[in-house]
């Protein structure tokens, strides 16, 4: 934390000793930035932020639904793009609300976002939720 800013990041370098059996992206990175701001005389907290995910290109294992298993493939590389979410959290004592704009960069025109070859990542979506904690 730096004053009202919260920064979370993780960068992973990974390599398999036998890439013919286990396929991994060389670098995977995740970063999040949020700003925490008390409002209404500290009765509530609002927290806007952004989460980013990235991994380098690699030949990911493909999925075959008929046998419900993954298999090694050498045809399609996936990765080397940023996947971003924008969110807004609001906390009122024991009541929480969140609003998330999932995969905001899907509007940029590059439709090659895949988690597994031939299975695209979810497009842009708006997600929201409520949580109210009760005590006995």
N, C-alpha and C. Protein backbone atom coordinates (compact mmCIF):
# COMPACT_ATOMS: atom_id res chain seq x y z
N UNK A 1 0.85 -1.19 0.00
CA UNK A 1 0.00 0.00 0.00
C UNK A 1 0.88 1.24 0.00
N UNK A 2 0.45 2.20 -0.75
CA UNK A 2 1.08 3.52 -0.77
C UNK A 2 -0.04 4.52 -0.53
N UNK A 3 -0.17 4.95 0.71
CA UNK A 3 -1.25 5.84 1.14
C UNK A 3 -2.60 5.22 0.79
N UNK A 4 -3.36 5.81 -0.12
CA UNK A 4 -4.69 5.28 -0.45
C UNK A 4 -4.67 4.34 -1.65
N UNK A 5 -3.49 4.11 -2.21
CA UNK A 5 -3.36 3.21 -3.35
C UNK A 5 -2.91 1.83 -2.88
N UNK A 6 -3.52 0.82 -3.46
CA UNK A 6 -3.09 -0.55 -3.21
C UNK A 6 -2.62 -1.14 -4.52
N UNK A 7 -1.44 -1.72 -4.51
CA UNK A 7 -0.87 -2.31 -5.73
C UNK A 7 -0.52 -3.75 -5.43
N UNK A 8 -1.08 -4.65 -6.19
CA UNK A 8 -0.75 -6.08 -6.10
C UNK A 8 -0.18 -6.51 -7.43
N UNK A 9 0.92 -7.22 -7.41
CA UNK A 9 1.48 -7.71 -8.66
C UNK A 9 2.20 -9.02 -8.42
N UNK A 10 2.27 -9.80 -9.48
CA UNK A 10 2.93 -11.09 -9.42
C UNK A 10 3.46 -11.39 -10.82
N UNK A 11 4.73 -11.70 -10.91
CA UNK A 11 5.35 -12.09 -12.17
C UNK A 11 6.00 -13.45 -11.94
N UNK A 12 5.68 -14.41 -12.80
CA UNK A 12 6.19 -15.76 -12.64
C UNK A 12 6.92 -16.17 -13.90
N UNK A 13 8.15 -16.63 -13.73
CA UNK A 13 8.89 -17.25 -14.83
C UNK A 13 8.86 -18.75 -14.57
N UNK A 14 8.52 -19.51 -15.59
CA UNK A 14 8.45 -20.95 -15.42
C UNK A 14 8.95 -21.66 -16.66
N UNK A 15 9.57 -22.79 -16.46
CA UNK A 15 10.08 -23.60 -17.56
C UNK A 15 9.99 -25.07 -17.16
N UNK A 16 9.55 -25.89 -18.08
CA UNK A 16 9.44 -27.32 -17.84
C UNK A 16 10.70 -28.00 -18.36
N UNK A 17 11.16 -29.02 -17.66
CA UNK A 17 12.35 -29.73 -18.11
C UNK A 17 12.09 -30.53 -19.39
N UNK A 18 10.83 -30.91 -19.63
CA UNK A 18 10.48 -31.61 -20.86
C UNK A 18 9.24 -30.95 -21.44
N UNK A 19 9.44 -30.02 -22.38
CA UNK A 19 8.31 -29.28 -22.94
C UNK A 19 7.47 -30.11 -23.92
N UNK A 20 7.88 -31.32 -24.21
CA UNK A 20 7.05 -32.20 -25.03
C UNK A 20 5.91 -32.80 -24.21
N UNK A 21 6.05 -32.79 -22.90
CA UNK A 21 5.02 -33.37 -22.02
C UNK A 21 4.22 -32.28 -21.32
N UNK A 22 4.91 -31.26 -20.79
CA UNK A 22 4.25 -30.18 -20.06
C UNK A 22 4.52 -28.87 -20.78
N UNK A 23 3.47 -28.20 -21.19
CA UNK A 23 3.60 -26.92 -21.89
C UNK A 23 3.19 -25.80 -20.96
N UNK A 24 4.05 -24.80 -20.81
CA UNK A 24 3.79 -23.67 -19.93
C UNK A 24 4.20 -22.38 -20.61
N UNK A 25 3.50 -21.28 -20.34
CA UNK A 25 3.99 -19.99 -20.83
C UNK A 25 5.26 -19.62 -20.06
N UNK A 26 6.22 -19.01 -20.72
CA UNK A 26 7.48 -18.65 -20.06
C UNK A 26 7.25 -17.63 -18.96
N UNK A 27 6.41 -16.64 -19.23
CA UNK A 27 6.13 -15.59 -18.24
C UNK A 27 4.63 -15.41 -18.08
N UNK A 28 4.20 -15.37 -16.84
CA UNK A 28 2.81 -15.07 -16.49
C UNK A 28 2.84 -13.89 -15.52
N UNK A 29 2.01 -12.89 -15.78
CA UNK A 29 2.00 -11.72 -14.91
C UNK A 29 0.56 -11.33 -14.58
N UNK A 30 0.39 -10.87 -13.35
CA UNK A 30 -0.91 -10.39 -12.88
C UNK A 30 -0.64 -9.12 -12.07
N UNK A 31 -1.44 -8.09 -12.33
CA UNK A 31 -1.27 -6.82 -11.61
C UNK A 31 -2.63 -6.22 -11.32
N UNK A 32 -2.71 -5.57 -10.19
CA UNK A 32 -3.95 -4.91 -9.79
C UNK A 32 -3.64 -3.60 -9.10
N UNK A 33 -4.39 -2.59 -9.42
CA UNK A 33 -4.24 -1.28 -8.79
C UNK A 33 -5.63 -0.85 -8.32
N UNK A 34 -5.70 -0.42 -7.05
CA UNK A 34 -6.98 0.05 -6.52
C UNK A 34 -6.74 1.30 -5.68
N UNK A 35 -7.76 2.11 -5.58
CA UNK A 35 -7.71 3.34 -4.82
C UNK A 35 -8.81 3.28 -3.78
N UNK A 36 -8.46 3.35 -2.50
CA UNK A 36 -9.42 3.25 -1.41
C UNK A 36 -9.72 4.64 -0.88
N UNK A 37 -11.01 5.01 -0.89
CA UNK A 37 -11.40 6.35 -0.50
C UNK A 37 -12.58 6.30 0.47
N UNK A 38 -12.38 6.72 1.73
CA UNK A 38 -13.52 6.81 2.66
C UNK A 38 -14.43 7.98 2.25
N UNK A 39 -15.74 7.77 2.33
CA UNK A 39 -16.71 8.82 1.97
C UNK A 39 -17.76 8.91 3.07
N UNK A 40 -18.56 9.94 3.05
CA UNK A 40 -19.64 10.18 4.02
C UNK A 40 -19.13 10.09 5.46
N UNK A 41 -18.09 10.87 5.75
CA UNK A 41 -17.50 10.94 7.10
C UNK A 41 -17.09 9.55 7.61
N UNK A 42 -16.42 8.79 6.74
CA UNK A 42 -15.92 7.43 7.04
C UNK A 42 -17.03 6.41 7.28
N UNK A 43 -18.25 6.69 6.89
CA UNK A 43 -19.35 5.73 7.03
C UNK A 43 -19.33 4.71 5.90
N UNK A 44 -18.66 5.03 4.81
CA UNK A 44 -18.59 4.13 3.66
C UNK A 44 -17.20 4.22 3.05
N UNK A 45 -16.86 3.19 2.29
CA UNK A 45 -15.58 3.16 1.58
C UNK A 45 -15.86 2.80 0.14
N UNK A 46 -15.30 3.57 -0.77
CA UNK A 46 -15.43 3.28 -2.20
C UNK A 46 -14.04 2.92 -2.72
N UNK A 47 -14.01 1.94 -3.61
CA UNK A 47 -12.72 1.41 -4.07
C UNK A 47 -12.78 1.09 -5.58
N UNK A 48 -12.37 2.03 -6.44
CA UNK A 48 -12.26 1.71 -7.86
C UNK A 48 -10.88 1.09 -8.14
N UNK A 49 -10.82 0.29 -9.20
CA UNK A 49 -9.54 -0.33 -9.51
C UNK A 49 -9.53 -1.03 -10.85
N UNK A 50 -8.37 -1.57 -11.18
CA UNK A 50 -8.18 -2.31 -12.43
C UNK A 50 -7.31 -3.52 -12.17
N UNK A 51 -7.65 -4.64 -12.81
CA UNK A 51 -6.86 -5.87 -12.74
C UNK A 51 -6.42 -6.22 -14.15
N UNK A 52 -5.14 -6.61 -14.30
CA UNK A 52 -4.58 -6.98 -15.59
C UNK A 52 -3.94 -8.36 -15.49
N UNK A 53 -4.04 -9.14 -16.57
CA UNK A 53 -3.44 -10.47 -16.64
C UNK A 53 -2.75 -10.62 -17.99
N UNK A 54 -1.58 -11.27 -18.00
CA UNK A 54 -0.81 -11.45 -19.23
C UNK A 54 -0.01 -12.75 -19.14
N UNK A 55 0.13 -13.44 -20.26
CA UNK A 55 1.10 -14.52 -20.36
C UNK A 55 1.65 -14.58 -21.78
N UNK A 56 2.88 -15.04 -21.90
CA UNK A 56 3.54 -15.10 -23.21
C UNK A 56 2.92 -16.21 -24.06
N UNK A 57 3.23 -16.18 -25.35
CA UNK A 57 2.69 -17.18 -26.28
C UNK A 57 3.27 -18.56 -25.97
N UNK A 58 2.41 -19.56 -26.11
CA UNK A 58 2.85 -20.94 -25.97
C UNK A 58 1.80 -21.86 -26.58
N UNK A 59 2.20 -23.10 -26.83
CA UNK A 59 1.27 -24.09 -27.36
C UNK A 59 0.56 -24.76 -26.18
N UNK A 60 -0.59 -24.23 -25.83
CA UNK A 60 -1.36 -24.77 -24.70
C UNK A 60 -1.98 -26.11 -25.09
N UNK A 61 -2.24 -26.92 -24.09
CA UNK A 61 -2.92 -28.19 -24.33
C UNK A 61 -4.33 -27.92 -24.81
N UNK A 62 -4.79 -28.67 -25.78
CA UNK A 62 -6.15 -28.54 -26.31
C UNK A 62 -7.07 -29.47 -25.53
N UNK A 63 -8.36 -29.22 -25.63
CA UNK A 63 -9.36 -29.99 -24.89
C UNK A 63 -10.24 -30.76 -25.86
N UNK A 64 -10.51 -32.01 -25.54
CA UNK A 64 -11.38 -32.86 -26.34
C UNK A 64 -12.58 -33.27 -25.48
N UNK A 65 -13.75 -32.65 -25.71
CA UNK A 65 -14.91 -32.91 -24.84
C UNK A 65 -15.39 -34.36 -24.84
N UNK A 66 -15.22 -35.07 -25.94
CA UNK A 66 -15.76 -36.44 -26.00
C UNK A 66 -15.07 -37.38 -25.01
N UNK A 67 -13.80 -37.12 -24.71
CA UNK A 67 -13.12 -37.95 -23.71
C UNK A 67 -12.86 -37.19 -22.40
N UNK A 68 -13.30 -35.91 -22.38
CA UNK A 68 -13.17 -35.05 -21.20
C UNK A 68 -11.72 -34.96 -20.72
N UNK A 69 -10.81 -34.76 -21.67
CA UNK A 69 -9.40 -34.68 -21.35
C UNK A 69 -8.67 -33.66 -22.21
N UNK A 70 -7.53 -33.22 -21.73
CA UNK A 70 -6.64 -32.36 -22.50
C UNK A 70 -5.62 -33.21 -23.23
N UNK A 71 -5.14 -32.71 -24.36
CA UNK A 71 -4.10 -33.41 -25.12
C UNK A 71 -3.12 -32.40 -25.67
N UNK A 72 -1.93 -32.84 -25.98
CA UNK A 72 -0.87 -31.97 -26.49
C UNK A 72 -1.12 -31.67 -27.96
N UNK A 73 -1.00 -30.42 -28.33
CA UNK A 73 -1.19 -30.00 -29.72
C UNK A 73 -0.06 -29.06 -30.12
N UNK A 74 0.25 -29.01 -31.42
CA UNK A 74 1.32 -28.16 -31.95
C UNK A 74 0.83 -27.24 -33.06
N UNK A 75 -0.48 -26.97 -33.12
CA UNK A 75 -1.05 -26.20 -34.22
C UNK A 75 -1.31 -24.74 -33.87
N UNK A 76 -1.76 -24.47 -32.67
CA UNK A 76 -2.22 -23.12 -32.33
C UNK A 76 -1.54 -22.61 -31.07
N UNK A 77 -0.87 -21.46 -31.21
CA UNK A 77 -0.28 -20.79 -30.06
C UNK A 77 -1.30 -19.81 -29.49
N UNK A 78 -1.35 -19.70 -28.18
CA UNK A 78 -2.22 -18.72 -27.55
C UNK A 78 -1.38 -17.84 -26.63
N UNK A 79 -1.90 -16.67 -26.32
CA UNK A 79 -1.23 -15.78 -25.38
C UNK A 79 -0.66 -14.54 -26.03
N UNK A 80 0.17 -13.83 -25.26
CA UNK A 80 0.84 -12.60 -25.67
C UNK A 80 -0.14 -11.45 -25.83
N UNK A 81 -1.10 -11.35 -24.94
CA UNK A 81 -2.05 -10.25 -24.92
C UNK A 81 -2.43 -9.95 -23.47
N UNK A 82 -2.93 -8.77 -23.25
CA UNK A 82 -3.36 -8.35 -21.91
C UNK A 82 -4.87 -8.54 -21.80
N UNK A 83 -5.30 -9.03 -20.67
CA UNK A 83 -6.71 -9.28 -20.36
C UNK A 83 -7.04 -8.40 -19.16
N UNK A 84 -7.92 -7.41 -19.32
CA UNK A 84 -8.13 -6.42 -18.26
C UNK A 84 -9.56 -6.33 -17.75
N UNK A 85 -9.69 -6.09 -16.45
CA UNK A 85 -10.98 -5.88 -15.79
C UNK A 85 -10.93 -4.57 -15.03
N UNK A 86 -12.06 -3.86 -15.02
CA UNK A 86 -12.20 -2.64 -14.23
C UNK A 86 -13.31 -2.90 -13.21
N UNK A 87 -13.09 -2.49 -11.96
CA UNK A 87 -14.08 -2.78 -10.93
C UNK A 87 -14.31 -1.59 -10.02
N UNK A 88 -15.42 -1.67 -9.28
CA UNK A 88 -15.78 -0.66 -8.29
C UNK A 88 -16.43 -1.39 -7.11
N UNK A 89 -15.84 -1.23 -5.94
CA UNK A 89 -16.37 -1.82 -4.71
C UNK A 89 -16.90 -0.71 -3.82
N UNK A 90 -17.99 -0.98 -3.11
CA UNK A 90 -18.55 -0.04 -2.16
C UNK A 90 -18.88 -0.80 -0.89
N UNK A 91 -18.37 -0.32 0.24
CA UNK A 91 -18.61 -0.96 1.53
C UNK A 91 -19.32 0.02 2.45
N UNK A 92 -20.51 -0.36 2.91
CA UNK A 92 -21.30 0.43 3.86
C UNK A 92 -21.47 -0.42 5.11
N UNK A 93 -20.62 -0.25 6.09
CA UNK A 93 -20.61 -1.05 7.32
C UNK A 93 -20.56 -2.53 6.99
N UNK A 94 -21.67 -3.25 7.06
CA UNK A 94 -21.68 -4.69 6.77
C UNK A 94 -22.30 -5.03 5.41
N UNK A 95 -22.53 -4.03 4.62
CA UNK A 95 -23.17 -4.21 3.31
C UNK A 95 -22.14 -3.89 2.22
N UNK A 96 -21.91 -4.85 1.31
CA UNK A 96 -20.94 -4.66 0.23
C UNK A 96 -21.62 -4.78 -1.12
N UNK A 97 -21.20 -3.92 -2.04
CA UNK A 97 -21.67 -3.95 -3.42
C UNK A 97 -20.44 -3.92 -4.31
N UNK A 98 -20.45 -4.73 -5.37
CA UNK A 98 -19.37 -4.63 -6.33
C UNK A 98 -19.94 -4.57 -7.74
N UNK A 99 -19.21 -3.89 -8.60
CA UNK A 99 -19.55 -3.77 -10.02
C UNK A 99 -18.25 -4.01 -10.78
N UNK A 100 -18.29 -4.94 -11.73
CA UNK A 100 -17.08 -5.31 -12.45
C UNK A 100 -17.35 -5.30 -13.95
N UNK A 101 -16.48 -4.63 -14.68
CA UNK A 101 -16.51 -4.64 -16.14
C UNK A 101 -15.44 -5.62 -16.58
N UNK A 102 -15.87 -6.81 -16.93
CA UNK A 102 -14.99 -7.93 -17.21
C UNK A 102 -14.49 -7.88 -18.65
N UNK A 103 -13.19 -8.00 -18.84
CA UNK A 103 -12.53 -8.03 -20.14
C UNK A 103 -12.84 -6.76 -20.95
N UNK A 104 -12.51 -5.61 -20.38
CA UNK A 104 -12.81 -4.33 -21.02
C UNK A 104 -12.04 -4.12 -22.31
N UNK A 105 -10.92 -4.74 -22.49
CA UNK A 105 -10.14 -4.54 -23.70
C UNK A 105 -10.59 -5.44 -24.86
N UNK A 106 -11.70 -6.13 -24.72
CA UNK A 106 -12.21 -6.94 -25.82
C UNK A 106 -12.74 -6.08 -26.95
N UNK A 107 -12.98 -4.78 -26.69
CA UNK A 107 -13.47 -3.86 -27.71
C UNK A 107 -12.37 -3.38 -28.66
N UNK A 108 -11.14 -3.74 -28.41
CA UNK A 108 -10.04 -3.24 -29.22
C UNK A 108 -9.95 -3.89 -30.59
N UNK A 109 -10.77 -4.90 -30.86
CA UNK A 109 -10.84 -5.47 -32.20
C UNK A 109 -10.02 -6.72 -32.40
N UNK A 110 -9.18 -7.10 -31.46
CA UNK A 110 -8.38 -8.31 -31.59
C UNK A 110 -9.14 -9.45 -30.91
N UNK A 111 -9.71 -10.35 -31.68
CA UNK A 111 -10.55 -11.41 -31.14
C UNK A 111 -9.80 -12.73 -31.02
N UNK A 112 -8.59 -12.69 -30.54
CA UNK A 112 -7.78 -13.91 -30.40
C UNK A 112 -7.51 -14.23 -28.94
N UNK A 113 -8.46 -13.97 -28.07
CA UNK A 113 -8.30 -14.24 -26.66
C UNK A 113 -8.76 -15.67 -26.36
N UNK A 114 -7.82 -16.54 -26.01
CA UNK A 114 -8.15 -17.93 -25.75
C UNK A 114 -7.56 -18.38 -24.42
N UNK A 115 -8.30 -19.23 -23.70
CA UNK A 115 -7.77 -19.88 -22.51
C UNK A 115 -7.20 -21.24 -22.88
N UNK A 116 -7.86 -21.88 -23.82
CA UNK A 116 -7.47 -23.17 -24.37
C UNK A 116 -7.68 -23.05 -25.88
N UNK A 117 -6.82 -23.64 -26.72
CA UNK A 117 -7.05 -23.53 -28.16
C UNK A 117 -8.48 -23.92 -28.56
N UNK A 118 -9.09 -23.10 -29.40
CA UNK A 118 -10.44 -23.28 -29.92
C UNK A 118 -11.55 -23.00 -28.90
N UNK A 119 -11.19 -22.50 -27.71
CA UNK A 119 -12.16 -22.13 -26.68
C UNK A 119 -11.85 -20.69 -26.24
N UNK A 120 -12.56 -19.72 -26.82
CA UNK A 120 -12.24 -18.31 -26.52
C UNK A 120 -12.57 -17.92 -25.08
N UNK A 121 -11.85 -16.89 -24.61
CA UNK A 121 -12.15 -16.32 -23.30
C UNK A 121 -13.49 -15.61 -23.38
N UNK A 122 -14.07 -15.37 -22.24
CA UNK A 122 -15.35 -14.67 -22.19
C UNK A 122 -15.18 -13.25 -22.70
N UNK A 123 -16.12 -12.79 -23.52
CA UNK A 123 -16.11 -11.41 -24.01
C UNK A 123 -16.49 -10.46 -22.89
N UNK A 124 -16.63 -9.20 -23.25
CA UNK A 124 -16.99 -8.17 -22.28
C UNK A 124 -18.28 -8.55 -21.56
N UNK A 125 -18.28 -8.34 -20.26
CA UNK A 125 -19.47 -8.61 -19.45
C UNK A 125 -19.49 -7.63 -18.28
N UNK A 126 -20.68 -7.32 -17.83
CA UNK A 126 -20.85 -6.50 -16.63
C UNK A 126 -21.35 -7.44 -15.54
N UNK A 127 -20.62 -7.48 -14.43
CA UNK A 127 -21.00 -8.34 -13.31
C UNK A 127 -21.21 -7.46 -12.08
N UNK A 128 -22.18 -7.84 -11.27
CA UNK A 128 -22.41 -7.09 -10.04
C UNK A 128 -22.84 -8.06 -8.95
N UNK A 129 -22.70 -7.62 -7.72
CA UNK A 129 -23.08 -8.47 -6.62
C UNK A 129 -23.32 -7.67 -5.36
N UNK A 130 -24.04 -8.29 -4.44
CA UNK A 130 -24.37 -7.70 -3.15
C UNK A 130 -24.03 -8.71 -2.06
N UNK A 131 -23.56 -8.21 -0.94
CA UNK A 131 -23.27 -9.07 0.20
C UNK A 131 -23.65 -8.32 1.47
N UNK A 132 -24.49 -8.95 2.29
CA UNK A 132 -24.93 -8.32 3.52
C UNK A 132 -24.69 -9.31 4.65
N UNK A 133 -23.79 -8.99 5.54
CA UNK A 133 -23.43 -9.87 6.63
C UNK A 133 -24.31 -9.58 7.85
N UNK A 134 -24.94 -10.64 8.37
CA UNK A 134 -25.77 -10.52 9.57
C UNK A 134 -25.04 -11.16 10.75
N UNK A 135 -25.21 -10.61 11.92
CA UNK A 135 -24.61 -11.15 13.13
C UNK A 135 -25.70 -11.56 14.10
N UNK A 136 -25.49 -12.63 14.84
CA UNK A 136 -26.43 -13.06 15.88
C UNK A 136 -26.18 -12.34 17.17
